ModelCIF file with pLDDT and N, C-alpha, C, O atoms, coordinates in Angstrom:
data_MODEL
#
_entry.id   MODEL 
#
_entity.id                         1 
_entity.type                       polymer 
_entity.pdbx_number_of_molecules   1 
#
_entity_poly.entity_id                      1 
_entity_poly.type                           'polypeptide(L)' 
_entity_poly.nstd_linkage                   no 
_entity_poly.nstd_monomer                   no 
_entity_poly.pdbx_seq_one_letter_code       
;(UNK)(UNK)(UNK)(UNK)(UNK)(UNK)(UNK)(UNK)(UNK)(UNK)(UNK)(UNK)(UNK)(UNK)(UNK)(UNK)
(UNK)(UNK)(UNK)(UNK)(UNK)(UNK)(UNK)(UNK)(UNK)(UNK)(UNK)(UNK)(UNK)(UNK)(UNK)
;
_entity_poly.pdbx_seq_one_letter_code_can   XXXXXXXXXXXXXXXXXXXXXXXXXXXXXXX 
_entity_poly.pdbx_strand_id                 A 
#
loop_
_entity_poly_seq.entity_id 
_entity_poly_seq.num 
_entity_poly_seq.mon_id 
_entity_poly_seq.hetero 
1 1  UNK n 
1 2  UNK n 
1 3  UNK n 
1 4  UNK n 
1 5  UNK n 
1 6  UNK n 
1 7  UNK n 
1 8  UNK n 
1 9  UNK n 
1 10 UNK n 
1 11 UNK n 
1 12 UNK n 
1 13 UNK n 
1 14 UNK n 
1 15 UNK n 
1 16 UNK n 
1 17 UNK n 
1 18 UNK n 
1 19 UNK n 
1 20 UNK n 
1 21 UNK n 
1 22 UNK n 
1 23 UNK n 
1 24 UNK n 
1 25 UNK n 
1 26 UNK n 
1 27 UNK n 
1 28 UNK n 
1 29 UNK n 
1 30 UNK n 
1 31 UNK n 
#
_struct_asym.id          A 
_struct_asym.entity_id   1 
#
loop_
_ma_qa_metric.id 
_ma_qa_metric.mode 
_ma_qa_metric.name 
_ma_qa_metric.software_group_id 
_ma_qa_metric.type 
1 global pLDDT . pLDDT 
2 local  pLDDT . pLDDT 
#
_ma_qa_metric_global.metric_id      1 
_ma_qa_metric_global.metric_value   94.52 
_ma_qa_metric_global.model_id       1 
_ma_qa_metric_global.ordinal_id     1 
#
loop_
_ma_qa_metric_local.label_asym_id 
_ma_qa_metric_local.label_comp_id 
_ma_qa_metric_local.label_seq_id 
_ma_qa_metric_local.metric_id 
_ma_qa_metric_local.metric_value 
_ma_qa_metric_local.model_id 
_ma_qa_metric_local.ordinal_id 
A UNK 1  2 93.00 1 1  
A UNK 2  2 95.00 1 2  
A UNK 3  2 96.00 1 3  
A UNK 4  2 97.00 1 4  
A UNK 5  2 97.00 1 5  
A UNK 6  2 97.00 1 6  
A UNK 7  2 96.00 1 7  
A UNK 8  2 95.00 1 8  
A UNK 9  2 95.00 1 9  
A UNK 10 2 94.00 1 10 
A UNK 11 2 92.00 1 11 
A UNK 12 2 91.00 1 12 
A UNK 13 2 92.00 1 13 
A UNK 14 2 93.00 1 14 
A UNK 15 2 93.00 1 15 
A UNK 16 2 89.00 1 16 
A UNK 17 2 92.00 1 17 
A UNK 18 2 94.00 1 18 
A UNK 19 2 92.00 1 19 
A UNK 20 2 92.00 1 20 
A UNK 21 2 95.00 1 21 
A UNK 22 2 96.00 1 22 
A UNK 23 2 95.00 1 23 
A UNK 24 2 95.00 1 24 
A UNK 25 2 97.00 1 25 
A UNK 26 2 97.00 1 26 
A UNK 27 2 97.00 1 27 
A UNK 28 2 96.00 1 28 
A UNK 29 2 96.00 1 29 
A UNK 30 2 96.00 1 30 
A UNK 31 2 95.00 1 31 
#
loop_
_atom_site.group_PDB 
_atom_site.id 
_atom_site.type_symbol 
_atom_site.label_atom_id 
_atom_site.label_alt_id 
_atom_site.label_comp_id 
_atom_site.label_asym_id 
_atom_site.label_entity_id 
_atom_site.label_seq_id 
_atom_site.pdbx_PDB_ins_code 
_atom_site.Cartn_x 
_atom_site.Cartn_y 
_atom_site.Cartn_z 
_atom_site.occupancy 
_atom_site.B_iso_or_equiv 
_atom_site.pdbx_formal_charge 
_atom_site.auth_seq_id 
_atom_site.auth_comp_id 
_atom_site.auth_asym_id 
_atom_site.auth_atom_id 
_atom_site.pdbx_PDB_model_num 
ATOM 1   N N  . UNK A 1 1  ? -15.645 -56.179 -27.903 1.00 93.00 ? 1  UNK A N  1 
ATOM 2   C CA . UNK A 1 1  ? -15.835 -55.388 -26.695 1.00 93.00 ? 1  UNK A CA 1 
ATOM 3   C C  . UNK A 1 1  ? -14.816 -54.262 -26.580 1.00 93.00 ? 1  UNK A C  1 
ATOM 4   O O  . UNK A 1 1  ? -13.658 -54.407 -26.971 1.00 93.00 ? 1  UNK A O  1 
ATOM 5   N N  . UNK A 1 2  ? -15.272 -53.142 -26.037 1.00 95.00 ? 2  UNK A N  1 
ATOM 6   C CA . UNK A 1 2  ? -14.387 -52.019 -25.746 1.00 95.00 ? 2  UNK A CA 1 
ATOM 7   C C  . UNK A 1 2  ? -14.037 -52.069 -24.266 1.00 95.00 ? 2  UNK A C  1 
ATOM 8   O O  . UNK A 1 2  ? -14.919 -52.083 -23.406 1.00 95.00 ? 2  UNK A O  1 
ATOM 9   N N  . UNK A 1 3  ? -12.737 -52.095 -23.980 1.00 96.00 ? 3  UNK A N  1 
ATOM 10  C CA . UNK A 1 3  ? -12.261 -52.190 -22.606 1.00 96.00 ? 3  UNK A CA 1 
ATOM 11  C C  . UNK A 1 3  ? -11.465 -50.955 -22.221 1.00 96.00 ? 3  UNK A C  1 
ATOM 12  O O  . UNK A 1 3  ? -10.988 -50.204 -23.073 1.00 96.00 ? 3  UNK A O  1 
ATOM 13  N N  . UNK A 1 4  ? -11.335 -50.768 -20.925 1.00 97.00 ? 4  UNK A N  1 
ATOM 14  C CA . UNK A 1 4  ? -10.437 -49.727 -20.418 1.00 97.00 ? 4  UNK A CA 1 
ATOM 15  C C  . UNK A 1 4  ? -9.004  -50.146 -20.722 1.00 97.00 ? 4  UNK A C  1 
ATOM 16  O O  . UNK A 1 4  ? -8.749  -51.293 -21.089 1.00 97.00 ? 4  UNK A O  1 
ATOM 17  N N  . UNK A 1 5  ? -8.078  -49.217 -20.567 1.00 97.00 ? 5  UNK A N  1 
ATOM 18  C CA . UNK A 1 5  ? -6.668  -49.515 -20.829 1.00 97.00 ? 5  UNK A CA 1 
ATOM 19  C C  . UNK A 1 5  ? -6.181  -50.662 -19.963 1.00 97.00 ? 5  UNK A C  1 
ATOM 20  O O  . UNK A 1 5  ? -5.520  -51.576 -20.456 1.00 97.00 ? 5  UNK A O  1 
ATOM 21  N N  . UNK A 1 6  ? -6.498  -50.622 -18.698 1.00 97.00 ? 6  UNK A N  1 
ATOM 22  C CA . UNK A 1 6  ? -6.038  -51.642 -17.769 1.00 97.00 ? 6  UNK A CA 1 
ATOM 23  C C  . UNK A 1 6  ? -6.577  -53.025 -18.115 1.00 97.00 ? 6  UNK A C  1 
ATOM 24  O O  . UNK A 1 6  ? -5.837  -54.009 -18.099 1.00 97.00 ? 6  UNK A O  1 
ATOM 25  N N  . UNK A 1 7  ? -7.859  -53.095 -18.427 1.00 96.00 ? 7  UNK A N  1 
ATOM 26  C CA . UNK A 1 7  ? -8.473  -54.383 -18.761 1.00 96.00 ? 7  UNK A CA 1 
ATOM 27  C C  . UNK A 1 7  ? -7.944  -54.905 -20.091 1.00 96.00 ? 7  UNK A C  1 
ATOM 28  O O  . UNK A 1 7  ? -7.670  -56.098 -20.217 1.00 96.00 ? 7  UNK A O  1 
ATOM 29  N N  . UNK A 1 8  ? -7.798  -54.035 -21.082 1.00 95.00 ? 8  UNK A N  1 
ATOM 30  C CA . UNK A 1 8  ? -7.269  -54.461 -22.381 1.00 95.00 ? 8  UNK A CA 1 
ATOM 31  C C  . UNK A 1 8  ? -5.867  -55.034 -22.229 1.00 95.00 ? 8  UNK A C  1 
ATOM 32  O O  . UNK A 1 8  ? -5.525  -56.041 -22.848 1.00 95.00 ? 8  UNK A O  1 
ATOM 33  N N  . UNK A 1 9  ? -5.062  -54.382 -21.400 1.00 95.00 ? 9  UNK A N  1 
ATOM 34  C CA . UNK A 1 9  ? -3.687  -54.849 -21.200 1.00 95.00 ? 9  UNK A CA 1 
ATOM 35  C C  . UNK A 1 9  ? -3.654  -56.160 -20.425 1.00 95.00 ? 9  UNK A C  1 
ATOM 36  O O  . UNK A 1 9  ? -2.928  -57.080 -20.801 1.00 95.00 ? 9  UNK A O  1 
ATOM 37  N N  . UNK A 1 10 ? -4.420  -56.256 -19.364 1.00 94.00 ? 10 UNK A N  1 
ATOM 38  C CA . UNK A 1 10 ? -4.380  -57.466 -18.548 1.00 94.00 ? 10 UNK A CA 1 
ATOM 39  C C  . UNK A 1 10 ? -5.049  -58.658 -19.233 1.00 94.00 ? 10 UNK A C  1 
ATOM 40  O O  . UNK A 1 10 ? -4.610  -59.794 -19.053 1.00 94.00 ? 10 UNK A O  1 
ATOM 41  N N  . UNK A 1 11 ? -6.089  -58.419 -20.003 1.00 92.00 ? 11 UNK A N  1 
ATOM 42  C CA . UNK A 1 11 ? -6.794  -59.519 -20.663 1.00 92.00 ? 11 UNK A CA 1 
ATOM 43  C C  . UNK A 1 11 ? -6.237  -59.839 -22.046 1.00 92.00 ? 11 UNK A C  1 
ATOM 44  O O  . UNK A 1 11 ? -6.576  -60.861 -22.644 1.00 92.00 ? 11 UNK A O  1 
ATOM 45  N N  . UNK A 1 12 ? -5.371  -58.944 -22.551 1.00 91.00 ? 12 UNK A N  1 
ATOM 46  C CA . UNK A 1 12 ? -4.821  -59.112 -23.898 1.00 91.00 ? 12 UNK A CA 1 
ATOM 47  C C  . UNK A 1 12 ? -5.935  -59.263 -24.925 1.00 91.00 ? 12 UNK A C  1 
ATOM 48  O O  . UNK A 1 12 ? -5.856  -60.078 -25.844 1.00 91.00 ? 12 UNK A O  1 
ATOM 49  N N  . UNK A 1 13 ? -6.986  -58.445 -24.741 1.00 92.00 ? 13 UNK A N  1 
ATOM 50  C CA . UNK A 1 13 ? -8.110  -58.541 -25.662 1.00 92.00 ? 13 UNK A CA 1 
ATOM 51  C C  . UNK A 1 13 ? -8.868  -57.223 -25.721 1.00 92.00 ? 13 UNK A C  1 
ATOM 52  O O  . UNK A 1 13 ? -8.677  -56.329 -24.896 1.00 92.00 ? 13 UNK A O  1 
ATOM 53  N N  . UNK A 1 14 ? -9.726  -57.135 -26.718 1.00 93.00 ? 14 UNK A N  1 
ATOM 54  C CA . UNK A 1 14 ? -10.547 -55.959 -26.911 1.00 93.00 ? 14 UNK A CA 1 
ATOM 55  C C  . UNK A 1 14 ? -10.677 -55.653 -28.393 1.00 93.00 ? 14 UNK A C  1 
ATOM 56  O O  . UNK A 1 14 ? -10.194 -56.404 -29.241 1.00 93.00 ? 14 UNK A O  1 
ATOM 57  N N  . UNK A 1 15 ? -11.329 -54.554 -28.691 1.00 93.00 ? 15 UNK A N  1 
ATOM 58  C CA . UNK A 1 15 ? -11.483 -54.156 -30.088 1.00 93.00 ? 15 UNK A CA 1 
ATOM 59  C C  . UNK A 1 15 ? -10.468 -53.062 -30.438 1.00 93.00 ? 15 UNK A C  1 
ATOM 60  O O  . UNK A 1 15 ? -9.584  -52.748 -29.641 1.00 93.00 ? 15 UNK A O  1 
ATOM 61  N N  . UNK A 1 16 ? -10.601 -52.495 -31.618 1.00 89.00 ? 16 UNK A N  1 
ATOM 62  C CA . UNK A 1 16 ? -9.637  -51.487 -32.054 1.00 89.00 ? 16 UNK A CA 1 
ATOM 63  C C  . UNK A 1 16 ? -9.687  -50.245 -31.160 1.00 89.00 ? 16 UNK A C  1 
ATOM 64  O O  . UNK A 1 16 ? -8.658  -49.602 -30.952 1.00 89.00 ? 16 UNK A O  1 
ATOM 65  N N  . UNK A 1 17 ? -10.844 -49.900 -30.635 1.00 92.00 ? 17 UNK A N  1 
ATOM 66  C CA . UNK A 1 17 ? -10.939 -48.762 -29.735 1.00 92.00 ? 17 UNK A CA 1 
ATOM 67  C C  . UNK A 1 17 ? -10.200 -49.055 -28.426 1.00 92.00 ? 17 UNK A C  1 
ATOM 68  O O  . UNK A 1 17 ? -9.585  -48.161 -27.846 1.00 92.00 ? 17 UNK A O  1 
ATOM 69  N N  . UNK A 1 18 ? -10.260 -50.296 -27.969 1.00 94.00 ? 18 UNK A N  1 
ATOM 70  C CA . UNK A 1 18 ? -9.506  -50.695 -26.774 1.00 94.00 ? 18 UNK A CA 1 
ATOM 71  C C  . UNK A 1 18 ? -8.013  -50.467 -26.983 1.00 94.00 ? 18 UNK A C  1 
ATOM 72  O O  . UNK A 1 18 ? -7.323  -49.996 -26.079 1.00 94.00 ? 18 UNK A O  1 
ATOM 73  N N  . UNK A 1 19 ? -7.515  -50.799 -28.165 1.00 92.00 ? 19 UNK A N  1 
ATOM 74  C CA . UNK A 1 19 ? -6.096  -50.570 -28.463 1.00 92.00 ? 19 UNK A CA 1 
ATOM 75  C C  . UNK A 1 19 ? -5.769  -49.083 -28.495 1.00 92.00 ? 19 UNK A C  1 
ATOM 76  O O  . UNK A 1 19 ? -4.698  -48.675 -28.045 1.00 92.00 ? 19 UNK A O  1 
ATOM 77  N N  . UNK A 1 20 ? -6.671  -48.277 -29.016 1.00 92.00 ? 20 UNK A N  1 
ATOM 78  C CA . UNK A 1 20 ? -6.453  -46.827 -29.034 1.00 92.00 ? 20 UNK A CA 1 
ATOM 79  C C  . UNK A 1 20 ? -6.432  -46.274 -27.609 1.00 92.00 ? 20 UNK A C  1 
ATOM 80  O O  . UNK A 1 20 ? -5.626  -45.399 -27.292 1.00 92.00 ? 20 UNK A O  1 
ATOM 81  N N  . UNK A 1 21 ? -7.309  -46.779 -26.760 1.00 95.00 ? 21 UNK A N  1 
ATOM 82  C CA . UNK A 1 21 ? -7.347  -46.349 -25.366 1.00 95.00 ? 21 UNK A CA 1 
ATOM 83  C C  . UNK A 1 21 ? -6.062  -46.742 -24.658 1.00 95.00 ? 21 UNK A C  1 
ATOM 84  O O  . UNK A 1 21 ? -5.478  -45.936 -23.933 1.00 95.00 ? 21 UNK A O  1 
ATOM 85  N N  . UNK A 1 22 ? -5.619  -47.978 -24.863 1.00 96.00 ? 22 UNK A N  1 
ATOM 86  C CA . UNK A 1 22 ? -4.381  -48.451 -24.240 1.00 96.00 ? 22 UNK A CA 1 
ATOM 87  C C  . UNK A 1 22 ? -3.184  -47.649 -24.738 1.00 96.00 ? 22 UNK A C  1 
ATOM 88  O O  . UNK A 1 22 ? -2.339  -47.244 -23.940 1.00 96.00 ? 22 UNK A O  1 
ATOM 89  N N  . UNK A 1 23 ? -3.104  -47.420 -26.018 1.00 95.00 ? 23 UNK A N  1 
ATOM 90  C CA . UNK A 1 23 ? -2.001  -46.648 -26.587 1.00 95.00 ? 23 UNK A CA 1 
ATOM 91  C C  . UNK A 1 23 ? -1.978  -45.235 -26.010 1.00 95.00 ? 23 UNK A C  1 
ATOM 92  O O  . UNK A 1 23 ? -0.911  -44.714 -25.689 1.00 95.00 ? 23 UNK A O  1 
ATOM 93  N N  . UNK A 1 24 ? -3.132  -44.623 -25.879 1.00 95.00 ? 24 UNK A N  1 
ATOM 94  C CA . UNK A 1 24 ? -3.231  -43.281 -25.303 1.00 95.00 ? 24 UNK A CA 1 
ATOM 95  C C  . UNK A 1 24 ? -2.761  -43.279 -23.858 1.00 95.00 ? 24 UNK A C  1 
ATOM 96  O O  . UNK A 1 24 ? -2.018  -42.390 -23.444 1.00 95.00 ? 24 UNK A O  1 
ATOM 97  N N  . UNK A 1 25 ? -3.189  -44.266 -23.094 1.00 97.00 ? 25 UNK A N  1 
ATOM 98  C CA . UNK A 1 25 ? -2.796  -44.342 -21.682 1.00 97.00 ? 25 UNK A CA 1 
ATOM 99  C C  . UNK A 1 25 ? -1.281  -44.447 -21.536 1.00 97.00 ? 25 UNK A C  1 
ATOM 100 O O  . UNK A 1 25 ? -0.690  -43.778 -20.689 1.00 97.00 ? 25 UNK A O  1 
ATOM 101 N N  . UNK A 1 26 ? -0.656  -45.280 -22.357 1.00 97.00 ? 26 UNK A N  1 
ATOM 102 C CA . UNK A 1 26 ? 0.800   -45.439 -22.287 1.00 97.00 ? 26 UNK A CA 1 
ATOM 103 C C  . UNK A 1 26 ? 1.511   -44.174 -22.755 1.00 97.00 ? 26 UNK A C  1 
ATOM 104 O O  . UNK A 1 26 ? 2.485   -43.743 -22.138 1.00 97.00 ? 26 UNK A O  1 
ATOM 105 N N  . UNK A 1 27 ? 1.034   -43.586 -23.827 1.00 97.00 ? 27 UNK A N  1 
ATOM 106 C CA . UNK A 1 27 ? 1.642   -42.355 -24.341 1.00 97.00 ? 27 UNK A CA 1 
ATOM 107 C C  . UNK A 1 27 ? 1.554   -41.234 -23.312 1.00 97.00 ? 27 UNK A C  1 
ATOM 108 O O  . UNK A 1 27 ? 2.491   -40.450 -23.162 1.00 97.00 ? 27 UNK A O  1 
ATOM 109 N N  . UNK A 1 28 ? 0.441   -41.159 -22.612 1.00 96.00 ? 28 UNK A N  1 
ATOM 110 C CA . UNK A 1 28 ? 0.276   -40.126 -21.583 1.00 96.00 ? 28 UNK A CA 1 
ATOM 111 C C  . UNK A 1 28 ? 1.283   -40.281 -20.453 1.00 96.00 ? 28 UNK A C  1 
ATOM 112 O O  . UNK A 1 28 ? 1.722   -39.287 -19.873 1.00 96.00 ? 28 UNK A O  1 
ATOM 113 N N  . UNK A 1 29 ? 1.651   -41.511 -20.136 1.00 96.00 ? 29 UNK A N  1 
ATOM 114 C CA . UNK A 1 29 ? 2.620   -41.747 -19.059 1.00 96.00 ? 29 UNK A CA 1 
ATOM 115 C C  . UNK A 1 29 ? 3.972   -41.102 -19.343 1.00 96.00 ? 29 UNK A C  1 
ATOM 116 O O  . UNK A 1 29 ? 4.670   -40.675 -18.424 1.00 96.00 ? 29 UNK A O  1 
ATOM 117 N N  . UNK A 1 30 ? 4.331   -41.034 -20.610 1.00 96.00 ? 30 UNK A N  1 
ATOM 118 C CA . UNK A 1 30 ? 5.649   -40.516 -20.976 1.00 96.00 ? 30 UNK A CA 1 
ATOM 119 C C  . UNK A 1 30 ? 5.558   -39.219 -21.780 1.00 96.00 ? 30 UNK A C  1 
ATOM 120 O O  . UNK A 1 30 ? 6.523   -38.794 -22.415 1.00 96.00 ? 30 UNK A O  1 
ATOM 121 N N  . UNK A 1 31 ? 4.385   -38.606 -21.740 1.00 95.00 ? 31 UNK A N  1 
ATOM 122 C CA . UNK A 1 31 ? 4.160   -37.320 -22.404 1.00 95.00 ? 31 UNK A CA 1 
ATOM 123 C C  . UNK A 1 31 ? 4.458   -37.341 -23.895 1.00 95.00 ? 31 UNK A C  1 
ATOM 124 O O  . UNK A 1 31 ? 4.308   -36.321 -24.569 1.00 95.00 ? 31 UNK A O  1 
#
């Protein structure tokens, strides 16, 4: 499953795209 950043982080699950989304969200926070 592909999850949003928030869901991937809270559920500790998802596919490789979920990890890319989460990584992008965190990177955006700190520019």
